[in-house]
PDB file of N, CA and C in Angstrom:
ATOM      1  N   MET A   1      24.025 -14.256  67.982  1.00  0.00           N
ATOM      2  CA  MET A   1      22.891 -13.732  67.272  1.00  0.00           C
ATOM      3  C   MET A   1      23.272 -12.600  66.320  1.00  0.00           C
ATOM      4  N   ALA A   2      24.550 -12.298  66.244  1.00  0.00           N
ATOM      5  CA  ALA A   2      25.011 -11.237  65.366  1.00  0.00           C
ATOM      6  C   ALA A   2      24.717 -11.594  63.921  1.00  0.00           C
ATOM      7  N   SER A   3      24.197 -10.635  63.170  1.00  0.00           N
ATOM      8  CA  SER A   3      23.833 -10.901  61.790  1.00  0.00           C
ATOM      9  C   SER A   3      24.687 -10.120  60.808  1.00  0.00           C
ATOM     10  N   GLY A   4      25.657  -9.352  61.276  1.00  0.00           N
ATOM     11  CA  GLY A   4      26.502  -8.580  60.400  1.00  0.00           C
ATOM     12  C   GLY A   4      25.988  -7.172  60.149  1.00  0.00           C
ATOM     13  N   ALA A   5      24.701  -6.949  60.297  1.00  0.00           N
ATOM     14  CA  ALA A   5      24.133  -5.617  60.108  1.00  0.00           C
ATOM     15  C   ALA A   5      24.344  -4.792  61.370  1.00  0.00           C
ATOM     16  N   VAL A   6      24.530  -3.510  61.186  1.00  0.00           N
ATOM     17  CA  VAL A   6      24.792  -2.619  62.313  1.00  0.00           C
ATOM     18  C   VAL A   6      23.480  -2.215  62.986  1.00  0.00           C
ATOM     19  N   TRP A   7      23.501  -2.207  64.299  1.00  0.00           N
ATOM     20  CA  TRP A   7      22.372  -1.754  65.106  1.00  0.00           C
ATOM     21  C   TRP A   7      22.589  -0.281  65.444  1.00  0.00           C
ATOM     22  N   ALA A   8      21.504   0.482  65.515  1.00  0.00           N
ATOM     23  CA  ALA A   8      21.582   1.879  65.942  1.00  0.00           C
ATOM     24  C   ALA A   8      21.693   1.910  67.460  1.00  0.00           C
ATOM     25  N   VAL A   9      22.720   2.559  67.959  1.00  0.00           N
ATOM     26  CA  VAL A   9      22.920   2.667  69.406  1.00  0.00           C
ATOM     27  C   VAL A   9      22.693   4.114  69.811  1.00  0.00           C
ATOM     28  N   ARG A  10      21.853   4.312  70.812  1.00  0.00           N
ATOM     29  CA  ARG A  10      21.570   5.644  71.364  1.00  0.00           C
ATOM     30  C   ARG A  10      21.895   5.604  72.853  1.00  0.00           C
ATOM     31  N   VAL A  11      22.311   6.737  73.364  1.00  0.00           N
ATOM     32  CA  VAL A  11      22.634   6.863  74.783  1.00  0.00           C
ATOM     33  C   VAL A  11      21.718   7.915  75.383  1.00  0.00           C
ATOM     34  N   LEU A  12      20.961   7.545  76.398  1.00  0.00           N
ATOM     35  CA  LEU A  12      20.107   8.518  77.068  1.00  0.00           C
ATOM     36  C   LEU A  12      20.971   9.595  77.728  1.00  0.00           C
ATOM     37  N   PRO A  13      20.452  10.813  77.836  1.00  0.00           N
ATOM     38  CA  PRO A  13      21.231  11.891  78.453  1.00  0.00           C
ATOM     39  C   PRO A  13      21.750  11.547  79.853  1.00  0.00           C
ATOM     40  N   ALA A  14      20.944  10.890  80.674  1.00  0.00           N
ATOM     41  CA  ALA A  14      21.398  10.526  82.026  1.00  0.00           C
ATOM     42  C   ALA A  14      22.561   9.542  81.954  1.00  0.00           C
ATOM     43  N   ALA A  15      22.490   8.600  81.027  1.00  0.00           N
ATOM     44  CA  ALA A  15      23.582   7.631  80.866  1.00  0.00           C
ATOM     45  C   ALA A  15      24.841   8.329  80.361  1.00  0.00           C
ATOM     46  N   GLN A  16      24.683   9.313  79.487  1.00  0.00           N
ATOM     47  CA  GLN A  16      25.849  10.058  79.006  1.00  0.00           C
ATOM     48  C   GLN A  16      26.527  10.803  80.146  1.00  0.00           C
ATOM     49  N   ARG A  17      25.735  11.371  81.041  1.00  0.00           N
ATOM     50  CA  ARG A  17      26.317  12.056  82.206  1.00  0.00           C
ATOM     51  C   ARG A  17      27.075  11.052  83.076  1.00  0.00           C
ATOM     52  N   GLU A  18      26.516   9.845  83.220  1.00  0.00           N
ATOM     53  CA  GLU A  18      27.197   8.812  84.008  1.00  0.00           C
ATOM     54  C   GLU A  18      28.525   8.431  83.362  1.00  0.00           C
ATOM     55  N   ILE A  19      28.544   8.322  82.050  1.00  0.00           N
ATOM     56  CA  ILE A  19      29.785   8.022  81.330  1.00  0.00           C
ATOM     57  C   ILE A  19      30.792   9.141  81.536  1.00  0.00           C
ATOM     58  N   ASP A  20      30.340  10.369  81.395  1.00  0.00           N
ATOM     59  CA  ASP A  20      31.223  11.531  81.532  1.00  0.00           C
ATOM     60  C   ASP A  20      31.859  11.609  82.916  1.00  0.00           C
ATOM     61  N   ASP A  21      31.170  11.101  83.932  1.00  0.00           N
ATOM     62  CA  ASP A  21      31.662  11.164  85.305  1.00  0.00           C
ATOM     63  C   ASP A  21      32.644  10.041  85.669  1.00  0.00           C
ATOM     64  N   LEU A  22      32.812   9.075  84.780  1.00  0.00           N
ATOM     65  CA  LEU A  22      33.701   7.946  85.081  1.00  0.00           C
ATOM     66  C   LEU A  22      35.170   8.351  84.977  1.00  0.00           C
ATOM     67  N   ASP A  23      36.022   7.643  85.712  1.00  0.00           N
ATOM     68  CA  ASP A  23      37.466   7.811  85.553  1.00  0.00           C
ATOM     69  C   ASP A  23      37.840   7.408  84.129  1.00  0.00           C
ATOM     70  N   ASP A  24      38.956   7.920  83.639  1.00  0.00           N
ATOM     71  CA  ASP A  24      39.345   7.710  82.244  1.00  0.00           C
ATOM     72  C   ASP A  24      39.393   6.238  81.839  1.00  0.00           C
ATOM     73  N   SER A  25      40.033   5.388  82.632  1.00  0.00           N
ATOM     74  CA  SER A  25      40.176   3.986  82.245  1.00  0.00           C
ATOM     75  C   SER A  25      38.826   3.275  82.222  1.00  0.00           C
ATOM     76  N   VAL A  26      37.952   3.611  83.160  1.00  0.00           N
ATOM     77  CA  VAL A  26      36.619   3.011  83.204  1.00  0.00           C
ATOM     78  C   VAL A  26      35.792   3.538  82.028  1.00  0.00           C
ATOM     79  N   ARG A  27      35.892   4.836  81.749  1.00  0.00           N
ATOM     80  CA  ARG A  27      35.159   5.438  80.634  1.00  0.00           C
ATOM     81  C   ARG A  27      35.562   4.790  79.313  1.00  0.00           C
ATOM     82  N   PHE A  28      36.858   4.574  79.121  1.00  0.00           N
ATOM     83  CA  PHE A  28      37.336   3.957  77.887  1.00  0.00           C
ATOM     84  C   PHE A  28      36.707   2.575  77.693  1.00  0.00           C
ATOM     85  N   GLU A  29      36.697   1.774  78.741  1.00  0.00           N
ATOM     86  CA  GLU A  29      36.112   0.441  78.630  1.00  0.00           C
ATOM     87  C   GLU A  29      34.592   0.513  78.436  1.00  0.00           C
ATOM     88  N   ALA A  30      33.933   1.467  79.086  1.00  0.00           N
ATOM     89  CA  ALA A  30      32.489   1.637  78.898  1.00  0.00           C
ATOM     90  C   ALA A  30      32.184   1.968  77.442  1.00  0.00           C
ATOM     91  N   LEU A  31      32.955   2.871  76.854  1.00  0.00           N
ATOM     92  CA  LEU A  31      32.732   3.255  75.466  1.00  0.00           C
ATOM     93  C   LEU A  31      32.984   2.090  74.517  1.00  0.00           C
ATOM     94  N   GLU A  32      34.007   1.283  74.796  1.00  0.00           N
ATOM     95  CA  GLU A  32      34.247   0.083  73.981  1.00  0.00           C
ATOM     96  C   GLU A  32      33.066  -0.876  74.066  1.00  0.00           C
ATOM     97  N   THR A  33      32.572  -1.089  75.281  1.00  0.00           N
ATOM     98  CA  THR A  33      31.445  -2.000  75.501  1.00  0.00           C
ATOM     99  C   THR A  33      30.214  -1.522  74.741  1.00  0.00           C
ATOM    100  N   ILE A  34      29.934  -0.227  74.825  1.00  0.00           N
ATOM    101  CA  ILE A  34      28.767   0.340  74.142  1.00  0.00           C
ATOM    102  C   ILE A  34      28.939   0.282  72.630  1.00  0.00           C
ATOM    103  N   THR A  35      30.112   0.619  72.139  1.00  0.00           N
ATOM    104  CA  THR A  35      30.366   0.580  70.700  1.00  0.00           C
ATOM    105  C   THR A  35      30.187  -0.833  70.150  1.00  0.00           C
ATOM    106  N   ASP A  36      30.604  -1.829  70.899  1.00  0.00           N
ATOM    107  CA  ASP A  36      30.460  -3.223  70.459  1.00  0.00           C
ATOM    108  C   ASP A  36      28.997  -3.629  70.294  1.00  0.00           C
ATOM    109  N   LEU A  37      28.090  -2.944  70.976  1.00  0.00           N
ATOM    110  CA  LEU A  37      26.660  -3.255  70.849  1.00  0.00           C
ATOM    111  C   LEU A  37      26.133  -2.963  69.443  1.00  0.00           C
ATOM    112  N   GLU A  38      26.840  -2.116  68.680  1.00  0.00           N
ATOM    113  CA  GLU A  38      26.438  -1.838  67.298  1.00  0.00           C
ATOM    114  C   GLU A  38      26.492  -3.104  66.444  1.00  0.00           C
ATOM    115  N   GLU A  39      27.417  -3.978  66.746  1.00  0.00           N
ATOM    116  CA  GLU A  39      27.578  -5.222  65.993  1.00  0.00           C
ATOM    117  C   GLU A  39      26.727  -6.350  66.555  1.00  0.00           C
ATOM    118  N   ASP A  40      26.598  -6.393  67.872  1.00  0.00           N
ATOM    119  CA  ASP A  40      25.858  -7.487  68.499  1.00  0.00           C
ATOM    120  C   ASP A  40      25.311  -7.027  69.845  1.00  0.00           C
ATOM    121  N   PRO A  41      24.011  -6.775  69.935  1.00  0.00           N
ATOM    122  CA  PRO A  41      23.435  -6.339  71.205  1.00  0.00           C
ATOM    123  C   PRO A  41      23.224  -7.483  72.206  1.00  0.00           C
ATOM    124  N   PHE A  42      23.564  -8.696  71.800  1.00  0.00           N
ATOM    125  CA  PHE A  42      23.414  -9.859  72.670  1.00  0.00           C
ATOM    126  C   PHE A  42      24.737 -10.623  72.783  1.00  0.00           C
ATOM    127  N   PRO A  43      25.832  -9.951  73.155  1.00  0.00           N
ATOM    128  CA  PRO A  43      27.124 -10.639  73.213  1.00  0.00           C
ATOM    129  C   PRO A  43      27.179 -11.610  74.396  1.00  0.00           C
ATOM    130  N   ALA A  44      28.206 -12.424  74.409  1.00  0.00           N
ATOM    131  CA  ALA A  44      28.419 -13.318  75.551  1.00  0.00           C
ATOM    132  C   ALA A  44      28.465 -12.468  76.814  1.00  0.00           C
ATOM    133  N   GLY A  45      27.756 -12.902  77.839  1.00  0.00           N
ATOM    134  CA  GLY A  45      27.716 -12.165  79.092  1.00  0.00           C
ATOM    135  C   GLY A  45      26.530 -11.227  79.216  1.00  0.00           C
ATOM    136  N   SER A  46      25.842 -10.964  78.121  1.00  0.00           N
ATOM    137  CA  SER A  46      24.642 -10.132  78.172  1.00  0.00           C
ATOM    138  C   SER A  46      23.516 -10.946  78.787  1.00  0.00           C
ATOM    139  N   ILE A  47      22.820 -10.334  79.734  1.00  0.00           N
ATOM    140  CA  ILE A  47      21.728 -11.030  80.420  1.00  0.00           C
ATOM    141  C   ILE A  47      20.465 -10.191  80.355  1.00  0.00           C
ATOM    142  N   LEU A  48      19.365 -10.841  80.016  1.00  0.00           N
ATOM    143  CA  LEU A  48      18.055 -10.213  80.067  1.00  0.00           C
ATOM    144  C   LEU A  48      17.657 -10.102  81.532  1.00  0.00           C
ATOM    145  N   LEU A  49      17.321  -8.894  81.974  1.00  0.00           N
ATOM    146  CA  LEU A  49      16.976  -8.702  83.383  1.00  0.00           C
ATOM    147  C   LEU A  49      15.618  -9.315  83.690  1.00  0.00           C
ATOM    148  N   ARG A  50      15.539  -9.970  84.820  1.00  0.00           N
ATOM    149  CA  ARG A  50      14.310 -10.635  85.248  1.00  0.00           C
ATOM    150  C   ARG A  50      13.160  -9.638  85.338  1.00  0.00           C
ATOM    151  N   GLY A  51      12.017 -10.011  84.771  1.00  0.00           N
ATOM    152  CA  GLY A  51      10.835  -9.163  84.814  1.00  0.00           C
ATOM    153  C   GLY A  51      10.711  -8.221  83.624  1.00  0.00           C
ATOM    154  N   TYR A  52      11.692  -8.220  82.747  1.00  0.00           N
ATOM    155  CA  TYR A  52      11.682  -7.340  81.581  1.00  0.00           C
ATOM    156  C   TYR A  52      11.734  -8.183  80.309  1.00  0.00           C
ATOM    157  N   THR A  53      11.185  -7.638  79.250  1.00  0.00           N
ATOM    158  CA  THR A  53      11.231  -8.349  77.971  1.00  0.00           C
ATOM    159  C   THR A  53      12.308  -7.810  77.050  1.00  0.00           C
ATOM    160  N   ASP A  54      12.881  -6.657  77.393  1.00  0.00           N
ATOM    161  CA  ASP A  54      13.842  -6.033  76.485  1.00  0.00           C
ATOM    162  C   ASP A  54      15.003  -5.323  77.183  1.00  0.00           C
ATOM    163  N   LEU A  55      15.138  -5.462  78.488  1.00  0.00           N
ATOM    164  CA  LEU A  55      16.171  -4.759  79.244  1.00  0.00           C
ATOM    165  C   LEU A  55      17.299  -5.729  79.592  1.00  0.00           C
ATOM    166  N   HIS A  56      18.506  -5.374  79.157  1.00  0.00           N
ATOM    167  CA  HIS A  56      19.663  -6.246  79.304  1.00  0.00           C
ATOM    168  C   HIS A  56      20.756  -5.544  80.104  1.00  0.00           C
ATOM    169  N   ARG A  57      21.732  -6.342  80.523  1.00  0.00           N
ATOM    170  CA  ARG A  57      22.894  -5.751  81.184  1.00  0.00           C
ATOM    171  C   ARG A  57      24.155  -6.471  80.736  1.00  0.00           C
ATOM    172  N   LEU A  58      25.234  -5.708  80.726  1.00  0.00           N
ATOM    173  CA  LEU A  58      26.560  -6.228  80.453  1.00  0.00           C
ATOM    174  C   LEU A  58      27.504  -5.753  81.542  1.00  0.00           C
ATOM    175  N   LYS A  59      28.369  -6.642  81.974  1.00  0.00           N
ATOM    176  CA  LYS A  59      29.405  -6.270  82.943  1.00  0.00           C
ATOM    177  C   LYS A  59      30.626  -5.748  82.181  1.00  0.00           C
ATOM    178  N   PHE A  60      31.351  -4.832  82.817  1.00  0.00           N
ATOM    179  CA  PHE A  60      32.629  -4.395  82.265  1.00  0.00           C
ATOM    180  C   PHE A  60      33.508  -3.878  83.396  1.00  0.00           C
ATOM    181  N   TYR A  61      34.740  -3.596  83.079  1.00  0.00           N
ATOM    182  CA  TYR A  61      35.760  -3.118  84.016  1.00  0.00           C
ATOM    183  C   TYR A  61      35.840  -4.010  85.254  1.00  0.00           C
ATOM    184  N   ARG A  62      36.409  -5.184  85.035  1.00  0.00           N
ATOM    185  CA  ARG A  62      36.606  -6.186  86.110  1.00  0.00           C
ATOM    186  C   ARG A  62      35.286  -6.554  86.788  1.00  0.00           C
ATOM    187  N   ASP A  63      34.202  -6.510  86.044  1.00  0.00           N
ATOM    188  CA  ASP A  63      32.861  -6.854  86.539  1.00  0.00           C
ATOM    189  C   ASP A  63      32.357  -5.917  87.627  1.00  0.00           C
ATOM    190  N   GLN A  64      32.978  -4.756  87.784  1.00  0.00           N
ATOM    191  CA  GLN A  64      32.557  -3.800  88.803  1.00  0.00           C
ATOM    192  C   GLN A  64      31.470  -2.849  88.306  1.00  0.00           C
ATOM    193  N   TYR A  65      31.313  -2.721  86.986  1.00  0.00           N
ATOM    194  CA  TYR A  65      30.363  -1.778  86.394  1.00  0.00           C
ATOM    195  C   TYR A  65      29.385  -2.514  85.489  1.00  0.00           C
ATOM    196  N   ARG A  66      28.251  -1.851  85.218  1.00  0.00           N
ATOM    197  CA  ARG A  66      27.212  -2.417  84.364  1.00  0.00           C
ATOM    198  C   ARG A  66      26.750  -1.392  83.337  1.00  0.00           C
ATOM    199  N   VAL A  67      26.504  -1.871  82.126  1.00  0.00           N
ATOM    200  CA  VAL A  67      25.776  -1.115  81.119  1.00  0.00           C
ATOM    201  C   VAL A  67      24.393  -1.747  81.081  1.00  0.00           C
ATOM    202  N   VAL A  68      23.365  -0.961  81.345  1.00  0.00           N
ATOM    203  CA  VAL A  68      21.979  -1.436  81.305  1.00  0.00           C
ATOM    204  C   VAL A  68      21.346  -0.797  80.072  1.00  0.00           C
ATOM    205  N   TYR A  69      20.771  -1.641  79.214  1.00  0.00           N
ATOM    206  CA  TYR A  69      20.276  -1.135  77.937  1.00  0.00           C
ATOM    207  C   TYR A  69      19.037  -1.883  77.467  1.00  0.00           C
ATOM    208  N   THR A  70      18.245  -1.178  76.666  1.00  0.00           N
ATOM    209  CA  THR A  70      17.032  -1.713  76.066  1.00  0.00           C
ATOM    210  C   THR A  70      17.329  -2.078  74.616  1.00  0.00           C
ATOM    211  N   VAL A  71      16.758  -3.194  74.178  1.00  0.00           N
ATOM    212  CA  VAL A  71      16.922  -3.620  72.787  1.00  0.00           C
ATOM    213  C   VAL A  71      15.555  -3.682  72.122  1.00  0.00           C
ATOM    214  N   SER A  72      15.440  -3.019  70.981  1.00  0.00           N
ATOM    215  CA  SER A  72      14.252  -3.132  70.140  1.00  0.00           C
ATOM    216  C   SER A  72      14.682  -3.891  68.886  1.00  0.00           C
ATOM    217  N   GLU A  73      14.358  -5.185  68.863  1.00  0.00           N
ATOM    218  CA  GLU A  73      14.758  -5.994  67.718  1.00  0.00           C
ATOM    219  C   GLU A  73      14.046  -5.545  66.446  1.00  0.00           C
ATOM    220  N   LYS A  74      12.798  -5.153  66.556  1.00  0.00           N
ATOM    221  CA  LYS A  74      12.025  -4.723  65.390  1.00  0.00           C
ATOM    222  C   LYS A  74      12.663  -3.502  64.733  1.00  0.00           C
ATOM    223  N   GLN A  75      13.114  -2.560  65.559  1.00  0.00           N
ATOM    224  CA  GLN A  75      13.717  -1.329  65.036  1.00  0.00           C
ATOM    225  C   GLN A  75      15.232  -1.417  64.922  1.00  0.00           C
ATOM    226  N   ARG A  76      15.796  -2.550  65.361  1.00  0.00           N
ATOM    227  CA  ARG A  76      17.260  -2.747  65.382  1.00  0.00           C
ATOM    228  C   ARG A  76      17.935  -1.573  66.093  1.00  0.00           C
ATOM    229  N   ARG A  77      17.424  -1.310  67.308  1.00  0.00           N
ATOM    230  CA  ARG A  77      17.908  -0.171  68.077  1.00  0.00           C
ATOM    231  C   ARG A  77      18.276  -0.612  69.493  1.00  0.00           C
ATOM    232  N   VAL A  78      19.351  -0.037  69.987  1.00  0.00           N
ATOM    233  CA  VAL A  78      19.821  -0.250  71.354  1.00  0.00           C
ATOM    234  C   VAL A  78      19.807   1.104  72.049  1.00  0.00           C
ATOM    235  N   ILE A  79      19.173   1.159  73.223  1.00  0.00           N
ATOM    236  CA  ILE A  79      19.135   2.392  74.013  1.00  0.00           C
ATOM    237  C   ILE A  79      19.881   2.136  75.313  1.00  0.00           C
ATOM    238  N   VAL A  80      21.000   2.829  75.513  1.00  0.00           N
ATOM    239  CA  VAL A  80      21.766   2.699  76.752  1.00  0.00           C
ATOM    240  C   VAL A  80      21.089   3.559  77.806  1.00  0.00           C
ATOM    241  N   GLU A  81      20.643   2.903  78.878  1.00  0.00           N
ATOM    242  CA  GLU A  81      19.887   3.592  79.929  1.00  0.00           C
ATOM    243  C   GLU A  81      20.741   3.973  81.127  1.00  0.00           C
ATOM    244  N   ARG A  82      21.713   3.109  81.457  1.00  0.00           N
ATOM    245  CA  ARG A  82      22.546   3.352  82.645  1.00  0.00           C
ATOM    246  C   ARG A  82      23.949   2.821  82.423  1.00  0.00           C
ATOM    247  N   VAL A  83      24.913   3.507  83.023  1.00  0.00           N
ATOM    248  CA  VAL A  83      26.295   3.047  83.067  1.00  0.00           C
ATOM    249  C   VAL A  83      26.764   3.349  84.482  1.00  0.00           C
ATOM    250  N   ARG A  84      26.697   2.327  85.336  1.00  0.00           N
ATOM    251  CA  ARG A  84      26.922   2.538  86.769  1.00  0.00           C
ATOM    252  C   ARG A  84      27.674   1.377  87.392  1.00  0.00           C
ATOM    253  N   THR A  85      28.067   1.597  88.641  1.00  0.00           N
ATOM    254  CA  THR A  85      28.644   0.505  89.411  1.00  0.00           C
ATOM    255  C   THR A  85      27.577  -0.542  89.676  1.00  0.00           C
ATOM    256  N   ARG A  86      28.024  -1.740  89.943  1.00  0.00           N
ATOM    257  CA  ARG A  86      27.105  -2.838  90.218  1.00  0.00           C
ATOM    258  C   ARG A  86      26.146  -2.493  91.346  1.00  0.00           C
ATOM    259  N   SER A  87      26.642  -1.790  92.358  1.00  0.00           N
ATOM    260  CA  SER A  87      25.829  -1.512  93.546  1.00  0.00           C
ATOM    261  C   SER A  87      24.668  -0.554  93.278  1.00  0.00           C
ATOM    262  N   THR A  88      24.754   0.246  92.212  1.00  0.00           N
ATOM    263  CA  THR A  88      23.691   1.215  91.940  1.00  0.00           C
ATOM    264  C   THR A  88      22.990   1.001  90.594  1.00  0.00           C
ATOM    265  N   ALA A  89      23.454   0.055  89.797  1.00  0.00           N
ATOM    266  CA  ALA A  89      22.942  -0.109  88.427  1.00  0.00           C
ATOM    267  C   ALA A  89      21.462  -0.451  88.365  1.00  0.00           C
ATOM    268  N   TYR A  90      20.963  -1.176  89.361  1.00  0.00           N
ATOM    269  CA  TYR A  90      19.592  -1.677  89.282  1.00  0.00           C
ATOM    270  C   TYR A  90      18.613  -0.933  90.195  1.00  0.00           C
ATOM    271  N   ALA A  91      19.120  -0.036  91.002  1.00  0.00           N
ATOM    272  CA  ALA A  91      18.277   0.679  91.959  1.00  0.00           C
ATOM    273  C   ALA A  91      17.240   1.527  91.235  1.00  0.00           C
ATOM    274  N   GLY A  92      15.971   1.333  91.592  1.00  0.00           N
ATOM    275  CA  GLY A  92      14.899   2.161  91.071  1.00  0.00           C
ATOM    276  C   GLY A  92      14.500   1.893  89.631  1.00  0.00           C
ATOM    277  N   LEU A  93      14.916   0.765  89.067  1.00  0.00           N
ATOM    278  CA  LEU A  93      14.512   0.472  87.688  1.00  0.00           C
ATOM    279  C   LEU A  93      13.006   0.295  87.601  1.00  0.00           C
ATOM    280  N   ARG A  94      12.443   0.873  86.599  1.00  0.00           N
ATOM    281  CA  ARG A  94      11.023   0.698  86.292  1.00  0.00           C
ATOM    282  C   ARG A  94      10.921   0.176  84.879  1.00  0.00           C
ATOM    283  N   ASN A  95       9.707  -0.125  84.478  1.00  0.00           N
ATOM    284  CA  ASN A  95       9.514  -0.546  83.105  1.00  0.00           C
ATOM    285  C   ASN A  95      10.014   0.581  82.212  1.00  0.00           C
ATOM    286  N   PRO A  96      11.072   0.334  81.463  1.00  0.00           N
ATOM    287  CA  PRO A  96      11.712   1.431  80.744  1.00  0.00           C
ATOM    288  C   PRO A  96      10.897   1.929  79.565  1.00  0.00           C
ATOM    289  N   GLY A  97      10.788   3.247  79.479  1.00  0.00           N
ATOM    290  CA  GLY A  97      10.226   3.886  78.299  1.00  0.00           C
ATOM    291  C   GLY A  97      11.389   4.490  77.544  1.00  0.00           C
ATOM    292  N   ILE A  98      11.199   4.789  76.307  1.00  0.00           N
ATOM    293  CA  ILE A  98      12.298   5.360  75.543  1.00  0.00           C
ATOM    294  C   ILE A  98      12.165   6.868  75.577  1.00  0.00           C
ATOM    295  N   GLU A  99      13.005   7.500  76.398  1.00  0.00           N
ATOM    296  CA  GLU A  99      13.036   8.959  76.425  1.00  0.00           C
ATOM    297  C   GLU A  99      13.942   9.414  75.287  1.00  0.00           C
ATOM    298  N   GLU A 100      13.992  10.670  75.069  1.00  0.00           N
ATOM    299  CA  GLU A 100      14.790  11.182  73.963  1.00  0.00           C
ATOM    300  C   GLU A 100      16.250  10.804  74.154  1.00  0.00           C
ATOM    301  N   ALA A 101      16.797  10.107  73.184  1.00  0.00           N
ATOM    302  CA  ALA A 101      18.181   9.671  73.244  1.00  0.00           C
ATOM    303  C   ALA A 101      18.954  10.376  72.151  1.00  0.00           C
ATOM    304  N   LYS A 102      20.218  10.683  72.450  1.00  0.00           N
ATOM    305  CA  LYS A 102      21.020  11.305  71.405  1.00  0.00           C
ATOM    306  C   LYS A 102      21.791  10.216  70.641  1.00  0.00           C
ATOM    307  N   PRO A 103      22.058  10.447  69.360  1.00  0.00           N
ATOM    308  CA  PRO A 103      22.763   9.447  68.573  1.00  0.00           C
ATOM    309  C   PRO A 103      24.126   9.164  69.154  1.00  0.00           C
ATOM    310  N   TRP A 104      24.524   7.938  69.027  1.00  0.00           N
ATOM    311  CA  TRP A 104      25.832   7.529  69.561  1.00  0.00           C
ATOM    312  C   TRP A 104      26.898   7.874  68.609  1.00  0.00           C
TER     313      TRP A 104
END
């Protein structure tokens, strides 16, 4: 679904803290995964989470971690909500609202 145009990627403050807490090798791969969303927010392996219309997830780092993000196709914007291990990535998810995100 990539169209060549760049998407605006934002990282929520909580997700940034999660990134900052990762080990170096995991952080590097997380940042690559997030940066790639600028070109295509629907890459191979991206899955729309059940029960949501705009919340997706991508696996990274040997499938042990997840990037959970919201896509606004109308605004061509991606909001990274979580960067966590598989075991905690989905705990407590609610219908996501867009809180203040800092530019990526």
